C-alpha cells in the first residue's frame, strides 16, 4: 500500500492481490488493532478452509456464498454477514461471483507481508 498516511487510505493507491485462483484481495485500511479488506470471488472460487487467531466479521456485499464455520454451513447472499471466532476453521465457496468485506481484529500482518 503506497502513500497512505496511516489514517486515510486511497483506493486508487492500493493494488489487488491474488491469494488463490479466482480470488482477489484488496487491503482497504489497517492499524495494528484492526484491518478492513475487500475480497472478490469468481463464480465457483473456493476460499479453502483455514483458521487464524484474529476475530473476523464479514459482510456479503454481492453474490451468493456457501460459508462454513466450525463445521456449520449456511448459504449467504448480499446483505448477510457472519463472524468467525479466533482459531475457528472456516472457508467459503462462491456459488455466484461476488464480493466480501472482511474486518479483522487485530490486523492480519500476514496480508501486509504478502504485498
PDB file of N, CA and C in Angstrom:
ATOM      1  N   UNK A   1       0.871  -1.165   0.000  1.00  0.00           N
ATOM      2  CA  UNK A   1       0.000   0.000   0.000  1.00  0.00           C
ATOM      3  C   UNK A   1       0.911   1.218   0.000  1.00  0.00           C
ATOM      4  N   UNK A   2       0.778   2.061  -0.995  1.00  0.00           N
ATOM      5  CA  UNK A   2       1.687   3.193  -1.100  1.00  0.00           C
ATOM      6  C   UNK A   2       1.006   4.493  -0.717  1.00  0.00           C
ATOM      7  N   UNK A   3       1.805   5.405  -0.237  1.00  0.00           N
ATOM      8  CA  UNK A   3       1.379   6.763   0.068  1.00  0.00           C
ATOM      9  C   UNK A   3       0.112   6.851   0.918  1.00  0.00           C
ATOM     10  N   UNK A   4       0.065   6.085   1.998  1.00  0.00           N
ATOM     11  CA  UNK A   4      -1.032   6.261   2.945  1.00  0.00           C
ATOM     12  C   UNK A   4      -0.492   7.024   4.142  1.00  0.00           C
ATOM     13  N   UNK A   5      -1.371   7.685   4.828  1.00  0.00           N
ATOM     14  CA  UNK A   5      -0.960   8.478   5.985  1.00  0.00           C
ATOM     15  C   UNK A   5      -1.068   7.674   7.271  1.00  0.00           C
ATOM     16  N   UNK A   6      -1.627   6.480   7.179  1.00  0.00           N
ATOM     17  CA  UNK A   6      -1.890   5.706   8.374  1.00  0.00           C
ATOM     18  C   UNK A   6      -3.255   6.029   8.954  1.00  0.00           C
ATOM     19  N   UNK A   7      -3.894   7.048   8.409  1.00  0.00           N
ATOM     20  CA  UNK A   7      -5.242   7.437   8.833  1.00  0.00           C
ATOM     21  C   UNK A   7      -6.198   7.359   7.645  1.00  0.00           C
ATOM     22  N   UNK A   8      -5.786   7.940   6.531  1.00  0.00           N
ATOM     23  CA  UNK A   8      -6.603   7.927   5.319  1.00  0.00           C
ATOM     24  C   UNK A   8      -5.930   7.043   4.282  1.00  0.00           C
ATOM     25  N   UNK A   9      -6.721   6.186   3.635  1.00  0.00           N
ATOM     26  CA  UNK A   9      -6.203   5.264   2.634  1.00  0.00           C
ATOM     27  C   UNK A   9      -6.955   5.507   1.335  1.00  0.00           C
ATOM     28  N   UNK A  10      -6.241   5.710   0.269  1.00  0.00           N
ATOM     29  CA  UNK A  10      -6.835   5.969  -1.046  1.00  0.00           C
ATOM     30  C   UNK A  10      -6.918   4.663  -1.827  1.00  0.00           C
ATOM     31  N   UNK A  11      -8.117   4.346  -2.270  1.00  0.00           N
ATOM     32  CA  UNK A  11      -8.333   3.106  -3.006  1.00  0.00           C
ATOM     33  C   UNK A  11      -7.515   3.001  -4.272  1.00  0.00           C
ATOM     34  N   UNK A  12      -7.282   4.125  -4.944  1.00  0.00           N
ATOM     35  CA  UNK A  12      -6.516   4.073  -6.190  1.00  0.00           C
ATOM     36  C   UNK A  12      -5.024   3.899  -5.946  1.00  0.00           C
ATOM     37  N   UNK A  13      -4.580   3.975  -4.694  1.00  0.00           N
ATOM     38  CA  UNK A  13      -3.174   3.721  -4.357  1.00  0.00           C
ATOM     39  C   UNK A  13      -2.956   2.304  -3.838  1.00  0.00           C
ATOM     40  N   UNK A  14      -4.019   1.512  -3.849  1.00  0.00           N
ATOM     41  CA  UNK A  14      -3.958   0.174  -3.282  1.00  0.00           C
ATOM     42  C   UNK A  14      -4.162  -0.851  -4.384  1.00  0.00           C
ATOM     43  N   UNK A  15      -3.265  -1.818  -4.469  1.00  0.00           N
ATOM     44  CA  UNK A  15      -3.375  -2.824  -5.527  1.00  0.00           C
ATOM     45  C   UNK A  15      -4.088  -4.077  -5.012  1.00  0.00           C
ATOM     46  N   UNK A  16      -4.627  -4.817  -5.956  1.00  0.00           N
ATOM     47  CA  UNK A  16      -5.260  -6.100  -5.655  1.00  0.00           C
ATOM     48  C   UNK A  16      -4.178  -7.171  -5.572  1.00  0.00           C
ATOM     49  N   UNK A  17      -4.355  -8.106  -4.661  1.00  0.00           N
ATOM     50  CA  UNK A  17      -3.501  -9.286  -4.540  1.00  0.00           C
ATOM     51  C   UNK A  17      -4.309 -10.481  -5.029  1.00  0.00           C
ATOM     52  N   UNK A  18      -3.641 -11.513  -5.486  1.00  0.00           N
ATOM     53  CA  UNK A  18      -4.316 -12.738  -5.923  1.00  0.00           C
ATOM     54  C   UNK A  18      -3.839 -13.888  -5.036  1.00  0.00           C
ATOM     55  N   UNK A  19      -4.537 -14.120  -3.919  1.00  0.00           N
ATOM     56  CA  UNK A  19      -4.099 -15.166  -2.994  1.00  0.00           C
ATOM     57  C   UNK A  19      -4.383 -16.586  -3.481  1.00  0.00           C
ATOM     58  N   UNK A  20      -5.353 -16.736  -4.421  1.00  0.00           N
ATOM     59  CA  UNK A  20      -5.712 -18.056  -4.950  1.00  0.00           C
ATOM     60  C   UNK A  20      -6.436 -17.855  -6.277  1.00  0.00           C
ATOM     61  N   UNK A  21      -6.549 -18.899  -7.041  1.00  0.00           N
ATOM     62  CA  UNK A  21      -7.229 -18.837  -8.335  1.00  0.00           C
ATOM     63  C   UNK A  21      -8.674 -18.378  -8.151  1.00  0.00           C
ATOM     64  N   UNK A  22      -9.065 -17.355  -8.905  1.00  0.00           N
ATOM     65  CA  UNK A  22     -10.433 -16.861  -8.856  1.00  0.00           C
ATOM     66  C   UNK A  22     -10.733 -15.939  -7.696  1.00  0.00           C
ATOM     67  N   UNK A  23      -9.697 -15.571  -6.928  1.00  0.00           N
ATOM     68  CA  UNK A  23      -9.890 -14.718  -5.751  1.00  0.00           C
ATOM     69  C   UNK A  23      -8.902 -13.556  -5.800  1.00  0.00           C
ATOM     70  N   UNK A  24      -9.417 -12.349  -5.573  1.00  0.00           N
ATOM     71  CA  UNK A  24      -8.565 -11.171  -5.449  1.00  0.00           C
ATOM     72  C   UNK A  24      -8.879 -10.476  -4.134  1.00  0.00           C
ATOM     73  N   UNK A  25      -7.841  -9.913  -3.528  1.00  0.00           N
ATOM     74  CA  UNK A  25      -7.976  -9.275  -2.213  1.00  0.00           C
ATOM     75  C   UNK A  25      -7.350  -7.885  -2.268  1.00  0.00           C
ATOM     76  N   UNK A  26      -8.042  -6.924  -1.637  1.00  0.00           N
ATOM     77  CA  UNK A  26      -7.531  -5.556  -1.580  1.00  0.00           C
ATOM     78  C   UNK A  26      -7.625  -5.052  -0.146  1.00  0.00           C
ATOM     79  N   UNK A  27      -6.480  -4.689   0.435  1.00  0.00           N
ATOM     80  CA  UNK A  27      -6.474  -4.128   1.783  1.00  0.00           C
ATOM     81  C   UNK A  27      -6.970  -2.691   1.678  1.00  0.00           C
ATOM     82  N   UNK A  28      -8.041  -2.370   2.382  1.00  0.00           N
ATOM     83  CA  UNK A  28      -8.641  -1.037   2.304  1.00  0.00           C
ATOM     84  C   UNK A  28      -8.082  -0.091   3.349  1.00  0.00           C
ATOM     85  N   UNK A  29      -7.886  -0.585   4.556  1.00  0.00           N
ATOM     86  CA  UNK A  29      -7.353   0.235   5.655  1.00  0.00           C
ATOM     87  C   UNK A  29      -6.864  -0.703   6.740  1.00  0.00           C
ATOM     88  N   UNK A  30      -5.874  -0.220   7.500  1.00  0.00           N
ATOM     89  CA  UNK A  30      -5.393  -1.053   8.594  1.00  0.00           C
ATOM     90  C   UNK A  30      -4.698  -0.217   9.657  1.00  0.00           C
ATOM     91  N   UNK A  31      -4.689  -0.792  10.828  1.00  0.00           N
ATOM     92  CA  UNK A  31      -4.000  -0.297  12.014  1.00  0.00           C
ATOM     93  C   UNK A  31      -3.577  -1.575  12.728  1.00  0.00           C
ATOM     94  N   UNK A  32      -2.678  -1.500  13.643  1.00  0.00           N
ATOM     95  CA  UNK A  32      -2.237  -2.709  14.339  1.00  0.00           C
ATOM     96  C   UNK A  32      -3.404  -3.478  14.956  1.00  0.00           C
ATOM     97  N   UNK A  33      -4.453  -2.776  15.351  1.00  0.00           N
ATOM     98  CA  UNK A  33      -5.573  -3.416  16.045  1.00  0.00           C
ATOM     99  C   UNK A  33      -6.731  -3.828  15.151  1.00  0.00           C
ATOM    100  N   UNK A  34      -6.747  -3.404  13.878  1.00  0.00           N
ATOM    101  CA  UNK A  34      -7.874  -3.735  13.005  1.00  0.00           C
ATOM    102  C   UNK A  34      -7.475  -3.603  11.541  1.00  0.00           C
ATOM    103  N   UNK A  35      -8.221  -4.303  10.681  1.00  0.00           N
ATOM    104  CA  UNK A  35      -7.965  -4.250   9.244  1.00  0.00           C
ATOM    105  C   UNK A  35      -9.279  -4.450   8.500  1.00  0.00           C
ATOM    106  N   UNK A  36      -9.418  -3.727   7.374  1.00  0.00           N
ATOM    107  CA  UNK A  36     -10.585  -3.844   6.508  1.00  0.00           C
ATOM    108  C   UNK A  36     -10.097  -4.289   5.130  1.00  0.00           C
ATOM    109  N   UNK A  37     -10.708  -5.366   4.603  1.00  0.00           N
ATOM    110  CA  UNK A  37     -10.247  -5.982   3.360  1.00  0.00           C
ATOM    111  C   UNK A  37     -11.448  -6.321   2.481  1.00  0.00           C
ATOM    112  N   UNK A  38     -11.355  -6.007   1.194  1.00  0.00           N
ATOM    113  CA  UNK A  38     -12.376  -6.394   0.212  1.00  0.00           C
ATOM    114  C   UNK A  38     -11.838  -7.608  -0.546  1.00  0.00           C
ATOM    115  N   UNK A  39     -12.696  -8.626  -0.716  1.00  0.00           N
ATOM    116  CA  UNK A  39     -12.285  -9.852  -1.391  1.00  0.00           C
ATOM    117  C   UNK A  39     -13.289 -10.168  -2.498  1.00  0.00           C
ATOM    118  N   UNK A  40     -12.787 -10.246  -3.746  1.00  0.00           N
ATOM    119  CA  UNK A  40     -13.621 -10.541  -4.912  1.00  0.00           C
ATOM    120  C   UNK A  40     -13.452 -12.006  -5.294  1.00  0.00           C
ATOM    121  N   UNK A  41     -14.567 -12.683  -5.539  1.00  0.00           N
ATOM    122  CA  UNK A  41     -14.567 -14.096  -5.916  1.00  0.00           C
ATOM    123  C   UNK A  41     -15.225 -14.283  -7.276  1.00  0.00           C
ATOM    124  N   UNK A  42     -14.581 -15.039  -8.143  1.00  0.00           N
ATOM    125  CA  UNK A  42     -15.228 -15.505  -9.361  1.00  0.00           C
ATOM    126  C   UNK A  42     -16.222 -16.588  -8.957  1.00  0.00           C
ATOM    127  N   UNK A  43     -17.203 -16.855  -9.823  1.00  0.00           N
ATOM    128  CA  UNK A  43     -18.130 -17.959  -9.562  1.00  0.00           C
ATOM    129  C   UNK A  43     -17.337 -19.253  -9.403  1.00  0.00           C
ATOM    130  N   UNK A  44     -17.707 -20.049  -8.422  1.00  0.00           N
ATOM    131  CA  UNK A  44     -17.110 -21.352  -8.115  1.00  0.00           C
ATOM    132  C   UNK A  44     -15.734 -21.272  -7.453  1.00  0.00           C
ATOM    133  N   UNK A  45     -15.231 -20.081  -7.185  1.00  0.00           N
ATOM    134  CA  UNK A  45     -13.941 -19.963  -6.485  1.00  0.00           C
ATOM    135  C   UNK A  45     -14.116 -20.454  -5.047  1.00  0.00           C
ATOM    136  N   UNK A  46     -13.048 -21.015  -4.524  1.00  0.00           N
ATOM    137  CA  UNK A  46     -13.089 -21.603  -3.186  1.00  0.00           C
ATOM    138  C   UNK A  46     -12.076 -20.917  -2.277  1.00  0.00           C
ATOM    139  N   UNK A  47     -12.570 -20.366  -1.189  1.00  0.00           N
ATOM    140  CA  UNK A  47     -11.707 -19.897  -0.109  1.00  0.00           C
ATOM    141  C   UNK A  47     -11.488 -21.094   0.792  1.00  0.00           C
ATOM    142  N   UNK A  48     -10.349 -21.755   0.652  1.00  0.00           N
ATOM    143  CA  UNK A  48     -10.107 -23.032   1.334  1.00  0.00           C
ATOM    144  C   UNK A  48     -10.213 -22.886   2.850  1.00  0.00           C
ATOM    145  N   UNK A  49     -10.676 -23.934   3.509  1.00  0.00           N
ATOM    146  CA  UNK A  49     -10.784 -23.879   4.968  1.00  0.00           C
ATOM    147  C   UNK A  49      -9.436 -23.556   5.608  1.00  0.00           C
ATOM    148  N   UNK A  50      -9.479 -22.663   6.573  1.00  0.00           N
ATOM    149  CA  UNK A  50      -8.278 -22.224   7.275  1.00  0.00           C
ATOM    150  C   UNK A  50      -8.710 -21.659   8.623  1.00  0.00           C
ATOM    151  N   UNK A  51      -7.734 -21.339   9.449  1.00  0.00           N
ATOM    152  CA  UNK A  51      -8.022 -20.690  10.728  1.00  0.00           C
ATOM    153  C   UNK A  51      -6.919 -19.694  11.009  1.00  0.00           C
ATOM    154  N   UNK A  52      -7.216 -18.748  11.894  1.00  0.00           N
ATOM    155  CA  UNK A  52      -6.248 -17.733  12.320  1.00  0.00           C
ATOM    156  C   UNK A  52      -6.686 -17.207  13.673  1.00  0.00           C
ATOM    157  N   UNK A  53      -5.779 -16.585  14.411  1.00  0.00           N
ATOM    158  CA  UNK A  53      -6.120 -16.126  15.764  1.00  0.00           C
ATOM    159  C   UNK A  53      -6.942 -14.839  15.804  1.00  0.00           C
ATOM    160  N   UNK A  54      -7.239 -14.266  14.645  1.00  0.00           N
ATOM    161  CA  UNK A  54      -7.963 -12.996  14.572  1.00  0.00           C
ATOM    162  C   UNK A  54      -9.470 -13.213  14.637  1.00  0.00           C
ATOM    163  N   UNK A  55     -10.193 -12.271  15.215  1.00  0.00           N
ATOM    164  CA  UNK A  55     -11.644 -12.234  15.090  1.00  0.00           C
ATOM    165  C   UNK A  55     -11.931 -11.683  13.699  1.00  0.00           C
ATOM    166  N   UNK A  56     -12.892 -12.266  13.012  1.00  0.00           N
ATOM    167  CA  UNK A  56     -13.253 -11.816  11.664  1.00  0.00           C
ATOM    168  C   UNK A  56     -14.751 -11.563  11.603  1.00  0.00           C
ATOM    169  N   UNK A  57     -15.136 -10.415  11.078  1.00  0.00           N
ATOM    170  CA  UNK A  57     -16.533 -10.098  10.785  1.00  0.00           C
ATOM    171  C   UNK A  57     -16.610  -9.818   9.288  1.00  0.00           C
ATOM    172  N   UNK A  58     -17.577 -10.410   8.608  1.00  0.00           N
ATOM    173  CA  UNK A  58     -17.644 -10.307   7.150  1.00  0.00           C
ATOM    174  C   UNK A  58     -19.048  -9.961   6.695  1.00  0.00           C
ATOM    175  N   UNK A  59     -19.121  -9.042   5.742  1.00  0.00           N
ATOM    176  CA  UNK A  59     -20.357  -8.658   5.068  1.00  0.00           C
ATOM    177  C   UNK A  59     -20.320  -9.201   3.657  1.00  0.00           C
ATOM    178  N   UNK A  60     -21.385  -9.859   3.230  1.00  0.00           N
ATOM    179  CA  UNK A  60     -21.517 -10.260   1.837  1.00  0.00           C
ATOM    180  C   UNK A  60     -22.037  -9.041   1.086  1.00  0.00           C
ATOM    181  N   UNK A  61     -21.152  -8.397   0.332  1.00  0.00           N
ATOM    182  CA  UNK A  61     -21.540  -7.201  -0.424  1.00  0.00           C
ATOM    183  C   UNK A  61     -22.352  -7.564  -1.660  1.00  0.00           C
ATOM    184  N   UNK A  62     -21.961  -8.655  -2.326  1.00  0.00           N
ATOM    185  CA  UNK A  62     -22.678  -9.109  -3.521  1.00  0.00           C
ATOM    186  C   UNK A  62     -22.412 -10.590  -3.704  1.00  0.00           C
ATOM    187  N   UNK A  63     -23.251 -11.231  -4.499  1.00  0.00           N
ATOM    188  CA  UNK A  63     -23.075 -12.645  -4.803  1.00  0.00           C
ATOM    189  C   UNK A  63     -23.759 -13.559  -3.813  1.00  0.00           C
ATOM    190  N   UNK A  64     -23.478 -14.853  -3.975  1.00  0.00           N
ATOM    191  CA  UNK A  64     -24.024 -15.903  -3.115  1.00  0.00           C
ATOM    192  C   UNK A  64     -22.866 -16.812  -2.720  1.00  0.00           C
ATOM    193  N   UNK A  65     -22.766 -17.105  -1.431  1.00  0.00           N
ATOM    194  CA  UNK A  65     -21.656 -17.901  -0.904  1.00  0.00           C
ATOM    195  C   UNK A  65     -22.175 -18.987   0.027  1.00  0.00           C
ATOM    196  N   UNK A  66     -21.587 -20.172  -0.060  1.00  0.00           N
ATOM    197  CA  UNK A  66     -21.757 -21.171   0.981  1.00  0.00           C
ATOM    198  C   UNK A  66     -20.606 -20.946   1.956  1.00  0.00           C
ATOM    199  N   UNK A  67     -20.947 -20.607   3.183  1.00  0.00           N
ATOM    200  CA  UNK A  67     -19.959 -20.264   4.203  1.00  0.00           C
ATOM    201  C   UNK A  67     -19.979 -21.366   5.261  1.00  0.00           C
ATOM    202  N   UNK A  68     -18.805 -21.921   5.546  1.00  0.00           N
ATOM    203  CA  UNK A  68     -18.684 -22.956   6.568  1.00  0.00           C
ATOM    204  C   UNK A  68     -17.800 -22.427   7.693  1.00  0.00           C
ATOM    205  N   UNK A  69     -18.331 -22.469   8.907  1.00  0.00           N
ATOM    206  CA  UNK A  69     -17.587 -22.035  10.093  1.00  0.00           C
ATOM    207  C   UNK A  69     -17.731 -23.126  11.146  1.00  0.00           C
ATOM    208  N   UNK A  70     -16.599 -23.674  11.572  1.00  0.00           N
ATOM    209  CA  UNK A  70     -16.576 -24.711  12.617  1.00  0.00           C
ATOM    210  C   UNK A  70     -17.551 -25.845  12.294  1.00  0.00           C
ATOM    211  N   UNK A  71     -17.568 -26.273  11.015  1.00  0.00           N
ATOM    212  CA  UNK A  71     -18.387 -27.403  10.599  1.00  0.00           C
ATOM    213  C   UNK A  71     -19.828 -27.089  10.256  1.00  0.00           C
ATOM    214  N   UNK A  72     -20.261 -25.871  10.425  1.00  0.00           N
ATOM    215  CA  UNK A  72     -21.642 -25.475  10.118  1.00  0.00           C
ATOM    216  C   UNK A  72     -21.656 -24.648   8.838  1.00  0.00           C
ATOM    217  N   UNK A  73     -22.521 -25.019   7.877  1.00  0.00           N
ATOM    218  CA  UNK A  73     -22.586 -24.334   6.583  1.00  0.00           C
ATOM    219  C   UNK A  73     -23.926 -23.648   6.402  1.00  0.00           C
ATOM    220  N   UNK A  74     -23.875 -22.413   5.921  1.00  0.00           N
ATOM    221  CA  UNK A  74     -25.072 -21.634   5.594  1.00  0.00           C
ATOM    222  C   UNK A  74     -24.857 -20.992   4.230  1.00  0.00           C
ATOM    223  N   UNK A  75     -25.920 -20.842   3.457  1.00  0.00           N
ATOM    224  CA  UNK A  75     -25.862 -20.103   2.190  1.00  0.00           C
ATOM    225  C   UNK A  75     -26.222 -18.649   2.483  1.00  0.00           C
ATOM    226  N   UNK A  76     -25.295 -17.738   2.161  1.00  0.00           N
ATOM    227  CA  UNK A  76     -25.481 -16.317   2.443  1.00  0.00           C
ATOM    228  C   UNK A  76     -25.476 -15.516   1.149  1.00  0.00           C
ATOM    229  N   UNK A  77     -26.261 -14.432   1.159  1.00  0.00           N
ATOM    230  CA  UNK A  77     -26.430 -13.562  -0.002  1.00  0.00           C
ATOM    231  C   UNK A  77     -26.102 -12.117   0.380  1.00  0.00           C
ATOM    232  N   UNK A  78     -26.088 -11.257  -0.629  1.00  0.00           N
ATOM    233  CA  UNK A  78     -25.815  -9.833  -0.413  1.00  0.00           C
ATOM    234  C   UNK A  78     -26.646  -9.307   0.751  1.00  0.00           C
ATOM    235  N   UNK A  79     -25.977  -8.614   1.661  1.00  0.00           N
ATOM    236  CA  UNK A  79     -26.627  -8.055   2.843  1.00  0.00           C
ATOM    237  C   UNK A  79     -26.507  -8.930   4.074  1.00  0.00           C
ATOM    238  N   UNK A  80     -26.168 -10.214   3.894  1.00  0.00           N
ATOM    239  CA  UNK A  80     -25.952 -11.109   5.037  1.00  0.00           C
ATOM    240  C   UNK A  80     -24.532 -10.912   5.569  1.00  0.00           C
ATOM    241  N   UNK A  81     -24.296 -11.375   6.768  1.00  0.00           N
ATOM    242  CA  UNK A  81     -22.962 -11.249   7.359  1.00  0.00           C
ATOM    243  C   UNK A  81     -22.700 -12.420   8.290  1.00  0.00           C
ATOM    244  N   UNK A  82     -21.446 -12.545   8.692  1.00  0.00           N
ATOM    245  CA  UNK A  82     -21.077 -13.606   9.626  1.00  0.00           C
ATOM    246  C   UNK A  82     -19.861 -13.190  10.441  1.00  0.00           C
ATOM    247  N   UNK A  83     -19.657 -13.879  11.560  1.00  0.00           N
ATOM    248  CA  UNK A  83     -18.464 -13.678  12.378  1.00  0.00           C
ATOM    249  C   UNK A  83     -17.731 -15.005  12.509  1.00  0.00           C
ATOM    250  N   UNK A  84     -16.427 -14.896  12.638  1.00  0.00           N
ATOM    251  CA  UNK A  84     -15.578 -16.072  12.830  1.00  0.00           C
ATOM    252  C   UNK A  84     -14.795 -15.853  14.122  1.00  0.00           C
ATOM    253  N   UNK A  85     -15.006 -16.714  15.123  1.00  0.00           N
ATOM    254  CA  UNK A  85     -14.237 -16.591  16.359  1.00  0.00           C
ATOM    255  C   UNK A  85     -12.763 -16.921  16.111  1.00  0.00           C
ATOM    256  N   UNK A  86     -11.887 -16.484  16.986  1.00  0.00           N
ATOM    257  CA  UNK A  86     -10.478 -16.818  16.839  1.00  0.00           C
ATOM    258  C   UNK A  86     -10.263 -18.332  16.739  1.00  0.00           C
ATOM    259  N   UNK A  87      -9.404 -18.724  15.809  1.00  0.00           N
ATOM    260  CA  UNK A  87      -8.971 -20.112  15.613  1.00  0.00           C
ATOM    261  C   UNK A  87     -10.050 -21.065  15.108  1.00  0.00           C
ATOM    262  N   UNK A  88     -11.234 -20.572  14.736  1.00  0.00           N
ATOM    263  CA  UNK A  88     -12.273 -21.437  14.180  1.00  0.00           C
ATOM    264  C   UNK A  88     -11.964 -21.701  12.704  1.00  0.00           C
ATOM    265  N   UNK A  89     -12.019 -22.951  12.298  1.00  0.00           N
ATOM    266  CA  UNK A  89     -11.800 -23.259  10.883  1.00  0.00           C
ATOM    267  C   UNK A  89     -12.995 -22.753  10.081  1.00  0.00           C
ATOM    268  N   UNK A  90     -12.704 -22.092   8.955  1.00  0.00           N
ATOM    269  CA  UNK A  90     -13.760 -21.527   8.127  1.00  0.00           C
ATOM    270  C   UNK A  90     -13.300 -21.431   6.674  1.00  0.00           C
ATOM    271  N   UNK A  91     -14.272 -21.402   5.770  1.00  0.00           N
ATOM    272  CA  UNK A  91     -13.996 -21.271   4.350  1.00  0.00           C
ATOM    273  C   UNK A  91     -15.278 -20.935   3.624  1.00  0.00           C
ATOM    274  N   UNK A  92     -15.149 -20.571   2.349  1.00  0.00           N
ATOM    275  CA  UNK A  92     -16.322 -20.216   1.549  1.00  0.00           C
ATOM    276  C   UNK A  92     -16.208 -20.830   0.162  1.00  0.00           C
ATOM    277  N   UNK A  93     -17.377 -21.009  -0.456  1.00  0.00           N
ATOM    278  CA  UNK A  93     -17.467 -21.366  -1.870  1.00  0.00           C
ATOM    279  C   UNK A  93     -18.384 -20.335  -2.506  1.00  0.00           C
ATOM    280  N   UNK A  94     -17.909 -19.701  -3.569  1.00  0.00           N
ATOM    281  CA  UNK A  94     -18.718 -18.698  -4.276  1.00  0.00           C
ATOM    282  C   UNK A  94     -19.664 -19.425  -5.226  1.00  0.00           C
ATOM    283  N   UNK A  95     -20.932 -19.442  -4.889  1.00  0.00           N
ATOM    284  CA  UNK A  95     -21.947 -20.052  -5.750  1.00  0.00           C
ATOM    285  C   UNK A  95     -22.147 -19.166  -6.979  1.00  0.00           C
ATOM    286  N   UNK A  96     -22.112 -17.867  -6.764  1.00  0.00           N
ATOM    287  CA  UNK A  96     -22.118 -16.857  -7.824  1.00  0.00           C
ATOM    288  C   UNK A  96     -20.924 -15.944  -7.571  1.00  0.00           C
ATOM    289  N   UNK A  97     -20.456 -15.263  -8.607  1.00  0.00           N
ATOM    290  CA  UNK A  97     -19.395 -14.271  -8.411  1.00  0.00           C
ATOM    291  C   UNK A  97     -19.882 -13.263  -7.374  1.00  0.00           C
ATOM    292  N   UNK A  98     -18.960 -12.791  -6.547  1.00  0.00           N
ATOM    293  CA  UNK A  98     -19.386 -11.845  -5.516  1.00  0.00           C
ATOM    294  C   UNK A  98     -18.215 -11.205  -4.795  1.00  0.00           C
ATOM    295  N   UNK A  99     -18.586 -10.390  -3.813  1.00  0.00           N
ATOM    296  CA  UNK A  99     -17.611  -9.598  -3.071  1.00  0.00           C
ATOM    297  C   UNK A  99     -17.908  -9.718  -1.575  1.00  0.00           C
ATOM    298  N   UNK A 100     -16.845  -9.942  -0.795  1.00  0.00           N
ATOM    299  CA  UNK A 100     -16.947  -9.950   0.663  1.00  0.00           C
ATOM    300  C   UNK A 100     -16.161  -8.773   1.213  1.00  0.00           C
ATOM    301  N   UNK A 101     -16.633  -8.212   2.299  1.00  0.00           N
ATOM    302  CA  UNK A 101     -15.922  -7.165   3.021  1.00  0.00           C
ATOM    303  C   UNK A 101     -15.565  -7.732   4.387  1.00  0.00           C
ATOM    304  N   UNK A 102     -14.264  -7.962   4.607  1.00  0.00           N
ATOM    305  CA  UNK A 102     -13.772  -8.579   5.840  1.00  0.00           C
ATOM    306  C   UNK A 102     -13.191  -7.527   6.773  1.00  0.00           C
ATOM    307  N   UNK A 103     -13.502  -7.640   8.049  1.00  0.00           N
ATOM    308  CA  UNK A 103     -12.874  -6.831   9.093  1.00  0.00           C
ATOM    309  C   UNK A 103     -12.189  -7.804  10.049  1.00  0.00           C
ATOM    310  N   UNK A 104     -10.935  -7.520  10.379  1.00  0.00           N
ATOM    311  CA  UNK A 104     -10.151  -8.366  11.265  1.00  0.00           C
ATOM    312  C   UNK A 104      -9.664  -7.572  12.469  1.00  0.00           C
ATOM    313  N   UNK A 105      -9.611  -8.238  13.613  1.00  0.00           N
ATOM    314  CA  UNK A 105      -9.001  -7.640  14.797  1.00  0.00           C
ATOM    315  C   UNK A 105      -8.195  -8.731  15.489  1.00  0.00           C
ATOM    316  N   UNK A 106      -6.909  -8.518  15.698  1.00  0.00           N
ATOM    317  CA  UNK A 106      -6.102  -7.409  15.206  1.00  0.00           C
ATOM    318  C   UNK A 106      -5.852  -7.542  13.706  1.00  0.00           C
ATOM    319  N   UNK A 107      -5.036  -6.650  13.142  1.00  0.00           N
ATOM    320  CA  UNK A 107      -4.734  -6.659  11.721  1.00  0.00           C
ATOM    321  C   UNK A 107      -4.050  -7.967  11.327  1.00  0.00           C
ATOM    322  N   UNK A 108      -4.290  -8.400  10.092  1.00  0.00           N
ATOM    323  CA  UNK A 108      -3.630  -9.574   9.522  1.00  0.00           C
ATOM    324  C   UNK A 108      -2.261  -9.168   8.997  1.00  0.00           C
ATOM    325  N   UNK A 109      -1.253  -9.260   9.820  1.00  0.00           N
ATOM    326  CA  UNK A 109       0.093  -8.867   9.415  1.00  0.00           C
ATOM    327  C   UNK A 109       0.601  -9.731   8.274  1.00  0.00           C
ATOM    328  N   UNK A 110       0.103 -10.979   8.188  1.00  0.00           N
ATOM    329  CA  UNK A 110       0.496 -11.846   7.081  1.00  0.00           C
ATOM    330  C   UNK A 110       0.032 -11.267   5.741  1.00  0.00           C
ATOM    331  N   UNK A 111      -1.117 -10.590   5.717  1.00  0.00           N
ATOM    332  CA  UNK A 111      -1.583  -9.952   4.478  1.00  0.00           C
ATOM    333  C   UNK A 111      -0.642  -8.818   4.086  1.00  0.00           C
ATOM    334  N   UNK A 112      -0.171  -8.063   5.066  1.00  0.00           N
ATOM    335  CA  UNK A 112       0.741  -6.969   4.782  1.00  0.00           C
ATOM    336  C   UNK A 112       2.073  -7.482   4.246  1.00  0.00           C
ATOM    337  N   UNK A 113       2.531  -8.606   4.765  1.00  0.00           N
ATOM    338  CA  UNK A 113       3.794  -9.186   4.332  1.00  0.00           C
ATOM    339  C   UNK A 113       3.719  -9.696   2.894  1.00  0.00           C
ATOM    340  N   UNK A 114       2.510 -10.047   2.436  1.00  0.00           N
ATOM    341  CA  UNK A 114       2.320 -10.597   1.077  1.00  0.00           C
ATOM    342  C   UNK A 114       2.235  -9.518   0.010  1.00  0.00           C
ATOM    343  N   UNK A 115       2.190  -8.252   0.407  1.00  0.00           N
ATOM    344  CA  UNK A 115       2.051  -7.171  -0.581  1.00  0.00           C
ATOM    345  C   UNK A 115       3.277  -7.051  -1.427  1.00  0.00           C
TER     346      UNK A 115
END
